[in-house]
Amino acid sequence: QVQLVESGGGLVQAGGSLRLSCVASGSISSINFMAWYRQAPGKQRELVASVTGGGVTNYADSVKGRFTISRDNAKSSVTVYLQMSSLKPEDTAVYYCLAVKWTLNYWGQGTSVTVSS
């Protein structure tokens, strides 16, 4: 089992920045993929950014150049960050962390980001 705990969400003005954190603990060996998704009210959940175990990153077009995903591997945990800059009202959503271990998906509980105009 993998446990994910997200933090860092909040209310920010447009143009501001936030950094989200997701700490994965438990059976973290062989977590080969981690990502941030978001879901805005009335919309489907969408991929924001991802990072593989080898450090390859991928971003949604809507966040390229503004968001940066990074991963920190420790002995007993893995932390993935999402640095968000130049935030826009359309970035408002609940942000979820995903960890993939072999074929199993683990989701965090979500952290809310609200960007005011």
N, C-alpha and C. Protein backbone atom coordinates (compact mmCIF):
# COMPACT_ATOMS: atom_id res chain seq x y z
N GLN A 1 0.83 -1.20 0.00
CA GLN A 1 0.00 0.00 0.00
C GLN A 1 0.87 1.25 0.00
N VAL A 2 0.38 2.26 -0.67
CA VAL A 2 1.05 3.55 -0.72
C VAL A 2 0.08 4.58 -0.17
N GLN A 3 0.57 5.40 0.73
CA GLN A 3 -0.23 6.50 1.26
C GLN A 3 0.31 7.81 0.68
N LEU A 4 -0.62 8.67 0.29
CA LEU A 4 -0.26 9.96 -0.28
C LEU A 4 -0.90 11.07 0.54
N VAL A 5 -0.09 12.05 0.90
CA VAL A 5 -0.60 13.19 1.64
C VAL A 5 -0.17 14.46 0.91
N GLU A 6 -1.17 15.22 0.49
CA GLU A 6 -0.91 16.46 -0.24
C GLU A 6 -1.04 17.65 0.69
N SER A 7 -0.33 18.71 0.34
CA SER A 7 -0.44 19.96 1.10
C SER A 7 -0.02 21.11 0.20
N GLY A 8 -0.29 22.31 0.66
CA GLY A 8 0.18 23.49 -0.04
C GLY A 8 -0.87 24.29 -0.78
N GLY A 9 -2.09 23.77 -0.83
CA GLY A 9 -3.13 24.52 -1.52
C GLY A 9 -3.55 25.75 -0.74
N GLY A 10 -4.38 26.56 -1.37
CA GLY A 10 -4.86 27.76 -0.70
C GLY A 10 -5.44 28.75 -1.67
N LEU A 11 -5.61 29.96 -1.17
CA LEU A 11 -6.16 31.05 -1.96
C LEU A 11 -5.03 32.00 -2.34
N VAL A 12 -4.96 32.34 -3.60
CA VAL A 12 -3.90 33.23 -4.08
C VAL A 12 -4.47 34.14 -5.16
N GLN A 13 -3.91 35.31 -5.29
CA GLN A 13 -4.34 36.22 -6.34
C GLN A 13 -3.72 35.83 -7.68
N ALA A 14 -4.39 36.21 -8.73
CA ALA A 14 -3.85 35.95 -10.06
C ALA A 14 -2.45 36.54 -10.18
N GLY A 15 -1.58 35.78 -10.81
CA GLY A 15 -0.19 36.19 -10.93
C GLY A 15 0.70 35.68 -9.82
N GLY A 16 0.09 35.15 -8.78
CA GLY A 16 0.85 34.66 -7.64
C GLY A 16 1.38 33.25 -7.84
N SER A 17 1.96 32.74 -6.78
CA SER A 17 2.59 31.42 -6.83
C SER A 17 2.17 30.57 -5.63
N LEU A 18 2.19 29.26 -5.84
CA LEU A 18 1.99 28.30 -4.78
C LEU A 18 2.87 27.09 -5.07
N ARG A 19 3.23 26.38 -4.01
CA ARG A 19 3.93 25.12 -4.20
C ARG A 19 3.15 24.02 -3.50
N LEU A 20 2.76 23.03 -4.27
CA LEU A 20 2.07 21.87 -3.73
C LEU A 20 3.09 20.77 -3.44
N SER A 21 2.83 20.03 -2.38
CA SER A 21 3.68 18.89 -2.02
C SER A 21 2.82 17.65 -1.89
N CYS A 22 3.39 16.53 -2.25
CA CYS A 22 2.73 15.24 -2.10
C CYS A 22 3.77 14.26 -1.57
N VAL A 23 3.53 13.78 -0.37
CA VAL A 23 4.45 12.82 0.24
C VAL A 23 3.87 11.42 0.12
N ALA A 24 4.62 10.55 -0.51
CA ALA A 24 4.22 9.14 -0.64
C ALA A 24 5.00 8.32 0.38
N SER A 25 4.29 7.51 1.13
CA SER A 25 4.92 6.65 2.13
C SER A 25 4.31 5.27 2.06
N GLY A 26 4.91 4.36 2.80
CA GLY A 26 4.44 2.98 2.77
C GLY A 26 5.32 2.16 1.85
N SER A 27 4.68 1.42 0.99
CA SER A 27 5.41 0.55 0.07
C SER A 27 5.80 1.34 -1.18
N ILE A 28 6.85 2.15 -1.04
CA ILE A 28 7.17 3.10 -2.10
C ILE A 28 8.15 2.56 -3.14
N SER A 29 8.71 1.40 -2.88
CA SER A 29 9.62 0.87 -3.89
C SER A 29 8.84 0.58 -5.16
N SER A 30 9.46 0.81 -6.26
CA SER A 30 8.86 0.56 -7.58
C SER A 30 7.73 1.52 -7.93
N ILE A 31 7.64 2.64 -7.24
CA ILE A 31 6.75 3.69 -7.75
C ILE A 31 7.45 4.26 -8.97
N ASN A 32 6.87 4.03 -10.13
CA ASN A 32 7.57 4.38 -11.36
C ASN A 32 7.00 5.61 -12.04
N PHE A 33 5.95 6.18 -11.47
CA PHE A 33 5.31 7.31 -12.13
C PHE A 33 4.55 8.08 -11.07
N MET A 34 4.72 9.41 -11.08
CA MET A 34 3.93 10.25 -10.19
C MET A 34 3.44 11.45 -10.98
N ALA A 35 2.30 11.94 -10.60
CA ALA A 35 1.71 13.03 -11.38
C ALA A 35 0.80 13.87 -10.50
N TRP A 36 0.51 15.04 -11.00
CA TRP A 36 -0.52 15.92 -10.45
C TRP A 36 -1.64 16.01 -11.46
N TYR A 37 -2.85 15.82 -10.98
CA TYR A 37 -4.06 16.03 -11.75
C TYR A 37 -4.85 17.15 -11.07
N ARG A 38 -5.80 17.69 -11.78
CA ARG A 38 -6.70 18.67 -11.17
C ARG A 38 -8.10 18.48 -11.72
N GLN A 39 -9.04 18.89 -10.89
CA GLN A 39 -10.44 18.83 -11.28
C GLN A 39 -11.14 20.10 -10.85
N ALA A 40 -11.59 20.84 -11.83
CA ALA A 40 -12.34 22.07 -11.57
C ALA A 40 -13.81 21.72 -11.45
N PRO A 41 -14.60 22.55 -10.78
CA PRO A 41 -16.02 22.27 -10.63
C PRO A 41 -16.69 22.06 -11.97
N GLY A 42 -17.42 20.96 -12.09
CA GLY A 42 -18.15 20.67 -13.31
C GLY A 42 -17.31 20.16 -14.46
N LYS A 43 -16.04 19.92 -14.21
CA LYS A 43 -15.16 19.46 -15.28
C LYS A 43 -14.55 18.12 -14.92
N GLN A 44 -14.01 17.47 -15.94
CA GLN A 44 -13.34 16.20 -15.72
C GLN A 44 -11.95 16.43 -15.13
N ARG A 45 -11.47 15.41 -14.45
CA ARG A 45 -10.11 15.47 -13.93
C ARG A 45 -9.14 15.45 -15.10
N GLU A 46 -8.12 16.29 -15.03
CA GLU A 46 -7.16 16.37 -16.12
C GLU A 46 -5.73 16.32 -15.60
N LEU A 47 -4.86 15.78 -16.43
CA LEU A 47 -3.45 15.70 -16.08
C LEU A 47 -2.83 17.09 -16.16
N VAL A 48 -2.09 17.46 -15.13
CA VAL A 48 -1.39 18.73 -15.10
C VAL A 48 0.09 18.53 -15.43
N ALA A 49 0.72 17.61 -14.73
CA ALA A 49 2.15 17.36 -14.92
C ALA A 49 2.49 15.99 -14.37
N SER A 50 3.54 15.40 -14.91
CA SER A 50 3.95 14.08 -14.46
C SER A 50 5.47 13.97 -14.47
N VAL A 51 5.96 13.02 -13.69
CA VAL A 51 7.39 12.75 -13.65
C VAL A 51 7.60 11.27 -13.48
N THR A 52 8.48 10.70 -14.27
CA THR A 52 8.76 9.28 -14.18
C THR A 52 9.85 9.03 -13.13
N GLY A 53 10.08 7.76 -12.85
CA GLY A 53 11.14 7.43 -11.92
C GLY A 53 12.51 7.88 -12.42
N GLY A 54 12.65 7.98 -13.73
CA GLY A 54 13.90 8.44 -14.31
C GLY A 54 14.00 9.94 -14.44
N GLY A 55 12.95 10.64 -14.01
CA GLY A 55 13.00 12.09 -14.01
C GLY A 55 12.47 12.77 -15.26
N VAL A 56 11.86 11.99 -16.13
CA VAL A 56 11.29 12.59 -17.34
C VAL A 56 9.97 13.26 -16.98
N THR A 57 9.82 14.50 -17.37
CA THR A 57 8.64 15.27 -17.01
C THR A 57 7.76 15.54 -18.24
N ASN A 58 6.50 15.77 -17.94
CA ASN A 58 5.55 16.08 -18.99
C ASN A 58 4.53 17.06 -18.43
N TYR A 59 4.07 17.99 -19.25
CA TYR A 59 3.15 19.02 -18.79
C TYR A 59 1.99 19.19 -19.75
N ALA A 60 0.86 19.55 -19.19
CA ALA A 60 -0.26 19.98 -20.02
C ALA A 60 0.11 21.29 -20.69
N ASP A 61 -0.39 21.47 -21.89
CA ASP A 61 -0.06 22.69 -22.62
C ASP A 61 -0.46 23.94 -21.83
N SER A 62 -1.55 23.84 -21.10
CA SER A 62 -2.07 25.01 -20.39
C SER A 62 -1.17 25.48 -19.25
N VAL A 63 -0.24 24.64 -18.82
CA VAL A 63 0.62 25.02 -17.70
C VAL A 63 2.09 25.10 -18.07
N LYS A 64 2.43 24.76 -19.28
CA LYS A 64 3.84 24.79 -19.70
C LYS A 64 4.41 26.20 -19.53
N GLY A 65 5.59 26.24 -18.96
CA GLY A 65 6.25 27.51 -18.72
C GLY A 65 5.83 28.18 -17.43
N ARG A 66 4.78 27.68 -16.80
CA ARG A 66 4.33 28.27 -15.54
C ARG A 66 4.48 27.32 -14.35
N PHE A 67 4.32 26.03 -14.60
CA PHE A 67 4.38 25.02 -13.54
C PHE A 67 5.63 24.17 -13.72
N THR A 68 6.17 23.73 -12.60
CA THR A 68 7.32 22.83 -12.62
C THR A 68 7.09 21.69 -11.64
N ILE A 69 7.23 20.47 -12.13
CA ILE A 69 7.10 19.30 -11.27
C ILE A 69 8.49 18.78 -10.95
N SER A 70 8.67 18.34 -9.72
CA SER A 70 9.96 17.77 -9.33
C SER A 70 9.71 16.66 -8.32
N ARG A 71 10.72 15.83 -8.17
CA ARG A 71 10.58 14.64 -7.34
C ARG A 71 11.80 14.49 -6.46
N ASP A 72 11.57 14.16 -5.20
CA ASP A 72 12.66 13.99 -4.23
C ASP A 72 12.52 12.61 -3.61
N ASN A 73 13.49 11.75 -3.87
CA ASN A 73 13.45 10.38 -3.35
C ASN A 73 14.26 10.28 -2.06
N ALA A 74 13.60 9.90 -0.99
CA ALA A 74 14.27 9.65 0.28
C ALA A 74 14.18 8.15 0.58
N LYS A 75 14.79 7.75 1.68
CA LYS A 75 14.83 6.32 2.00
C LYS A 75 13.44 5.77 2.26
N SER A 76 12.63 6.50 3.00
CA SER A 76 11.34 5.96 3.40
C SER A 76 10.15 6.70 2.81
N SER A 77 10.42 7.65 1.93
CA SER A 77 9.31 8.38 1.32
C SER A 77 9.75 8.98 0.00
N VAL A 78 8.78 9.33 -0.77
CA VAL A 78 9.01 10.04 -2.03
C VAL A 78 8.12 11.28 -2.00
N THR A 79 8.69 12.41 -2.32
CA THR A 79 7.92 13.64 -2.35
C THR A 79 7.93 14.21 -3.76
N VAL A 80 6.76 14.56 -4.24
CA VAL A 80 6.67 15.23 -5.53
C VAL A 80 6.10 16.62 -5.30
N TYR A 81 6.71 17.59 -5.92
CA TYR A 81 6.31 18.98 -5.78
C TYR A 81 5.71 19.50 -7.09
N LEU A 82 4.84 20.45 -6.95
CA LEU A 82 4.35 21.18 -8.10
C LEU A 82 4.49 22.66 -7.78
N GLN A 83 5.48 23.28 -8.38
CA GLN A 83 5.67 24.71 -8.23
C GLN A 83 4.82 25.41 -9.28
N MET A 84 3.89 26.22 -8.83
CA MET A 84 2.96 26.89 -9.72
C MET A 84 3.21 28.39 -9.66
N SER A 85 3.46 28.98 -10.81
CA SER A 85 3.70 30.41 -10.88
C SER A 85 2.77 31.03 -11.91
N SER A 86 2.70 32.35 -11.87
CA SER A 86 1.82 33.08 -12.81
C SER A 86 0.44 32.46 -12.84
N LEU A 87 -0.10 32.22 -11.69
CA LEU A 87 -1.40 31.53 -11.59
C LEU A 87 -2.51 32.37 -12.18
N LYS A 88 -3.46 31.66 -12.77
CA LYS A 88 -4.61 32.27 -13.41
C LYS A 88 -5.88 31.76 -12.75
N PRO A 89 -6.96 32.53 -12.85
CA PRO A 89 -8.22 32.05 -12.27
C PRO A 89 -8.62 30.68 -12.81
N GLU A 90 -8.28 30.39 -14.04
CA GLU A 90 -8.64 29.08 -14.62
C GLU A 90 -7.81 27.93 -14.05
N ASP A 91 -6.82 28.23 -13.23
CA ASP A 91 -6.09 27.18 -12.53
C ASP A 91 -6.82 26.73 -11.26
N THR A 92 -7.89 27.41 -10.93
CA THR A 92 -8.66 27.04 -9.75
C THR A 92 -9.22 25.63 -9.89
N ALA A 93 -8.92 24.79 -8.92
CA ALA A 93 -9.33 23.38 -8.97
C ALA A 93 -8.88 22.69 -7.69
N VAL A 94 -9.35 21.47 -7.54
CA VAL A 94 -8.76 20.59 -6.54
C VAL A 94 -7.65 19.81 -7.24
N TYR A 95 -6.49 19.83 -6.64
CA TYR A 95 -5.32 19.18 -7.22
C TYR A 95 -5.07 17.86 -6.50
N TYR A 96 -4.91 16.82 -7.29
CA TYR A 96 -4.73 15.47 -6.75
C TYR A 96 -3.37 14.91 -7.17
N CYS A 97 -2.76 14.22 -6.25
CA CYS A 97 -1.51 13.54 -6.52
C CYS A 97 -1.80 12.08 -6.87
N LEU A 98 -1.07 11.58 -7.85
CA LEU A 98 -1.20 10.19 -8.28
C LEU A 98 0.18 9.53 -8.20
N ALA A 99 0.20 8.33 -7.66
CA ALA A 99 1.41 7.49 -7.70
C ALA A 99 1.03 6.17 -8.35
N VAL A 100 1.87 5.74 -9.26
CA VAL A 100 1.63 4.48 -9.96
C VAL A 100 2.74 3.51 -9.59
N LYS A 101 2.32 2.38 -9.05
CA LYS A 101 3.27 1.32 -8.68
C LYS A 101 2.86 0.08 -9.44
N TRP A 102 3.70 -0.32 -10.36
CA TRP A 102 3.37 -1.38 -11.30
C TRP A 102 2.07 -0.99 -12.02
N THR A 103 0.99 -1.68 -11.79
CA THR A 103 -0.26 -1.35 -12.48
C THR A 103 -1.29 -0.74 -11.54
N LEU A 104 -0.87 -0.44 -10.31
CA LEU A 104 -1.81 0.08 -9.32
C LEU A 104 -1.71 1.59 -9.23
N ASN A 105 -2.84 2.24 -9.19
CA ASN A 105 -2.92 3.69 -9.03
C ASN A 105 -3.31 4.04 -7.60
N TYR A 106 -2.58 4.97 -7.04
CA TYR A 106 -2.88 5.48 -5.70
C TYR A 106 -3.12 6.98 -5.82
N TRP A 107 -4.21 7.43 -5.21
CA TRP A 107 -4.58 8.84 -5.26
C TRP A 107 -4.53 9.45 -3.87
N GLY A 108 -4.15 10.72 -3.84
CA GLY A 108 -4.25 11.48 -2.61
C GLY A 108 -5.65 12.01 -2.42
N GLN A 109 -5.85 12.71 -1.32
CA GLN A 109 -7.19 13.20 -0.99
C GLN A 109 -7.51 14.52 -1.67
N GLY A 110 -6.50 15.16 -2.23
CA GLY A 110 -6.71 16.41 -2.93
C GLY A 110 -6.43 17.63 -2.07
N THR A 111 -5.97 18.67 -2.71
CA THR A 111 -5.75 19.95 -2.03
C THR A 111 -6.31 21.04 -2.94
N SER A 112 -7.04 21.96 -2.35
CA SER A 112 -7.79 22.95 -3.12
C SER A 112 -6.94 24.18 -3.40
N VAL A 113 -6.98 24.61 -4.65
CA VAL A 113 -6.31 25.84 -5.08
C VAL A 113 -7.35 26.77 -5.66
N THR A 114 -7.41 27.97 -5.13
CA THR A 114 -8.33 28.99 -5.63
C THR A 114 -7.52 30.22 -6.03
N VAL A 115 -7.69 30.63 -7.28
CA VAL A 115 -6.98 31.80 -7.79
C VAL A 115 -8.01 32.90 -8.04
N SER A 116 -7.88 33.99 -7.34
CA SER A 116 -8.82 35.09 -7.49
C SER A 116 -8.31 36.09 -8.53
N SER A 117 -9.26 36.68 -9.22
CA SER A 117 -8.88 37.64 -10.28
C SER A 117 -8.77 39.05 -9.72
